Amino acid sequence: MTKMALILCGLLLAPAAAMAGPTCSPSDDSARILAAASPTAIHRAWQGKHVGYGWSLQVERSAHDAAGTEYYVGDLYDTNGQLSTRKVFVIESEWDCGP
């Protein structure tokens, strides 16, 4: 019975771990926070604002625009680790992702 419970727990938890993407930080203070996969689609909450080096993005997926630019899509966290903005787009080349 215990063996069956362990197998069941492993099957339930494995997809959750697989869905989590990398955590990334901005390459510099000019990184843009976007509302869509377009370099000009600045998120309305981020008009005229910039993220600093202590901010992070928990990547959920990636996307591409018609020009072939790669974007990360995920949740943005502030320097204290608190969720700031959900489901933002960022340009991949403006962010560094750890292993």
C-alpha atoms as a PDB file:
ATOM      1  CA  MET A   1       0.000   0.000   0.000  1.00  0.00           C
ATOM      2  CA  THR A   2       2.812   2.433   0.887  1.00  0.00           C
ATOM      3  CA  LYS A   3       4.570   1.697  -2.397  1.00  0.00           C
ATOM      4  CA  MET A   4       1.381   2.466  -4.329  1.00  0.00           C
ATOM      5  CA  ALA A   5       0.961   5.771  -2.455  1.00  0.00           C
ATOM      6  CA  LEU A   6       4.552   6.789  -3.296  1.00  0.00           C
ATOM      7  CA  ILE A   7       4.034   5.995  -6.963  1.00  0.00           C
ATOM      8  CA  LEU A   8       0.804   7.973  -7.026  1.00  0.00           C
ATOM      9  CA  CYS A   9       2.464  10.990  -5.368  1.00  0.00           C
ATOM     10  CA  GLY A  10       5.305  10.851  -7.877  1.00  0.00           C
ATOM     11  CA  LEU A  11       2.886  10.796 -10.795  1.00  0.00           C
ATOM     12  CA  LEU A  12       0.936  13.735  -9.437  1.00  0.00           C
ATOM     13  CA  LEU A  13       3.963  15.904  -8.622  1.00  0.00           C
ATOM     14  CA  ALA A  14       6.075  15.195 -11.726  1.00  0.00           C
ATOM     15  CA  PRO A  15       4.005  17.327 -14.148  1.00  0.00           C
ATOM     16  CA  ALA A  16       4.107  20.316 -11.775  1.00  0.00           C
ATOM     17  CA  ALA A  17       7.897  20.220 -11.629  1.00  0.00           C
ATOM     18  CA  ALA A  18       8.146  19.805 -15.396  1.00  0.00           C
ATOM     19  CA  MET A  19       5.943  22.841 -16.033  1.00  0.00           C
ATOM     20  CA  ALA A  20       8.133  25.246 -14.054  1.00  0.00           C
ATOM     21  CA  GLY A  21      10.510  27.109 -16.334  1.00  0.00           C
ATOM     22  CA  PRO A  22      13.714  28.947 -15.560  1.00  0.00           C
ATOM     23  CA  THR A  23      13.960  32.012 -13.372  1.00  0.00           C
ATOM     24  CA  CYS A  24      15.502  34.942 -15.215  1.00  0.00           C
ATOM     25  CA  SER A  25      16.817  38.390 -14.305  1.00  0.00           C
ATOM     26  CA  PRO A  26      17.201  41.469 -16.505  1.00  0.00           C
ATOM     27  CA  SER A  27      20.501  41.856 -18.386  1.00  0.00           C
ATOM     28  CA  ASP A  28      20.451  45.587 -17.635  1.00  0.00           C
ATOM     29  CA  ASP A  29      18.053  48.302 -16.489  1.00  0.00           C
ATOM     30  CA  SER A  30      16.656  48.883 -19.989  1.00  0.00           C
ATOM     31  CA  ALA A  31      14.714  45.575 -20.052  1.00  0.00           C
ATOM     32  CA  ARG A  32      11.118  46.175 -21.128  1.00  0.00           C
ATOM     33  CA  ILE A  33       7.977  44.648 -19.624  1.00  0.00           C
ATOM     34  CA  LEU A  34       5.493  43.963 -22.408  1.00  0.00           C
ATOM     35  CA  ALA A  35       1.796  43.088 -22.656  1.00  0.00           C
ATOM     36  CA  ALA A  36       2.171  41.099 -25.898  1.00  0.00           C
ATOM     37  CA  ALA A  37       4.785  39.601 -28.207  1.00  0.00           C
ATOM     38  CA  SER A  38       5.777  42.931 -29.740  1.00  0.00           C
ATOM     39  CA  PRO A  39       8.714  45.165 -28.766  1.00  0.00           C
ATOM     40  CA  THR A  40       6.423  48.219 -28.787  1.00  0.00           C
ATOM     41  CA  ALA A  41       3.638  46.688 -26.629  1.00  0.00           C
ATOM     42  CA  ILE A  42       4.798  48.137 -23.300  1.00  0.00           C
ATOM     43  CA  HIS A  43       2.625  46.788 -20.466  1.00  0.00           C
ATOM     44  CA  ARG A  44       0.369  49.600 -19.206  1.00  0.00           C
ATOM     45  CA  ALA A  45       1.545  49.083 -15.613  1.00  0.00           C
ATOM     46  CA  TRP A  46       5.138  49.567 -16.828  1.00  0.00           C
ATOM     47  CA  GLN A  47       4.783  52.711 -18.972  1.00  0.00           C
ATOM     48  CA  GLY A  48       7.815  54.860 -18.167  1.00  0.00           C
ATOM     49  CA  LYS A  49       9.136  52.398 -15.558  1.00  0.00           C
ATOM     50  CA  HIS A  50      12.115  50.046 -15.549  1.00  0.00           C
ATOM     51  CA  VAL A  51      13.007  46.871 -13.716  1.00  0.00           C
ATOM     52  CA  GLY A  52      16.263  46.680 -11.814  1.00  0.00           C
ATOM     53  CA  TYR A  53      18.733  43.858 -11.420  1.00  0.00           C
ATOM     54  CA  GLY A  54      16.975  42.427  -8.346  1.00  0.00           C
ATOM     55  CA  TRP A  55      13.750  41.674 -10.227  1.00  0.00           C
ATOM     56  CA  SER A  56      13.037  38.210 -11.610  1.00  0.00           C
ATOM     57  CA  LEU A  57      10.797  36.492 -14.121  1.00  0.00           C
ATOM     58  CA  GLN A  58       9.463  32.982 -13.586  1.00  0.00           C
ATOM     59  CA  VAL A  59       9.169  31.761 -17.172  1.00  0.00           C
ATOM     60  CA  GLU A  60       6.116  29.695 -18.102  1.00  0.00           C
ATOM     61  CA  ARG A  61       6.593  29.514 -21.868  1.00  0.00           C
ATOM     62  CA  SER A  62       8.169  31.242 -24.831  1.00  0.00           C
ATOM     63  CA  ALA A  63       6.648  32.900 -27.896  1.00  0.00           C
ATOM     64  CA  HIS A  64       7.826  34.388 -31.195  1.00  0.00           C
ATOM     65  CA  ASP A  65       6.598  37.294 -33.283  1.00  0.00           C
ATOM     66  CA  ALA A  66       6.418  37.432 -37.105  1.00  0.00           C
ATOM     67  CA  ALA A  67       9.953  38.893 -37.240  1.00  0.00           C
ATOM     68  CA  GLY A  68      11.325  35.890 -35.334  1.00  0.00           C
ATOM     69  CA  THR A  69      12.058  37.719 -32.062  1.00  0.00           C
ATOM     70  CA  GLU A  70      11.833  35.352 -29.093  1.00  0.00           C
ATOM     71  CA  TYR A  71       9.874  36.341 -25.983  1.00  0.00           C
ATOM     72  CA  TYR A  72       9.503  34.784 -22.561  1.00  0.00           C
ATOM     73  CA  VAL A  73       6.064  34.782 -20.951  1.00  0.00           C
ATOM     74  CA  GLY A  74       5.739  34.524 -17.192  1.00  0.00           C
ATOM     75  CA  ASP A  75       5.193  36.180 -13.829  1.00  0.00           C
ATOM     76  CA  LEU A  76       7.332  39.119 -12.698  1.00  0.00           C
ATOM     77  CA  TYR A  77       8.599  39.280  -9.105  1.00  0.00           C
ATOM     78  CA  ASP A  78      10.025  42.303  -7.284  1.00  0.00           C
ATOM     79  CA  THR A  79      13.281  42.486  -5.321  1.00  0.00           C
ATOM     80  CA  ASN A  80      11.539  41.091  -2.210  1.00  0.00           C
ATOM     81  CA  GLY A  81      10.287  38.024  -4.068  1.00  0.00           C
ATOM     82  CA  GLN A  82       6.697  39.271  -4.141  1.00  0.00           C
ATOM     83  CA  LEU A  83       4.558  38.783  -7.245  1.00  0.00           C
ATOM     84  CA  SER A  84       4.391  42.095  -9.111  1.00  0.00           C
ATOM     85  CA  THR A  85       2.720  41.423 -12.460  1.00  0.00           C
ATOM     86  CA  ARG A  86       1.274  38.210 -13.906  1.00  0.00           C
ATOM     87  CA  LYS A  87       1.597  36.970 -17.489  1.00  0.00           C
ATOM     88  CA  VAL A  88       4.030  39.537 -18.874  1.00  0.00           C
ATOM     89  CA  PHE A  89       6.101  39.232 -22.034  1.00  0.00           C
ATOM     90  CA  VAL A  90       9.800  40.105 -22.123  1.00  0.00           C
ATOM     91  CA  ILE A  91      12.307  40.023 -24.960  1.00  0.00           C
ATOM     92  CA  GLU A  92      14.550  36.985 -24.480  1.00  0.00           C
ATOM     93  CA  SER A  93      17.767  38.875 -25.338  1.00  0.00           C
ATOM     94  CA  GLU A  94      17.112  41.404 -22.537  1.00  0.00           C
ATOM     95  CA  TRP A  95      17.078  38.717 -19.815  1.00  0.00           C
ATOM     96  CA  ASP A  96      19.589  36.236 -18.387  1.00  0.00           C
ATOM     97  CA  CYS A  97      18.295  32.838 -17.323  1.00  0.00           C
ATOM     98  CA  GLY A  98      20.068  30.512 -14.939  1.00  0.00           C
ATOM     99  CA  PRO A  99      20.584  26.817 -15.457  1.00  0.00           C
END
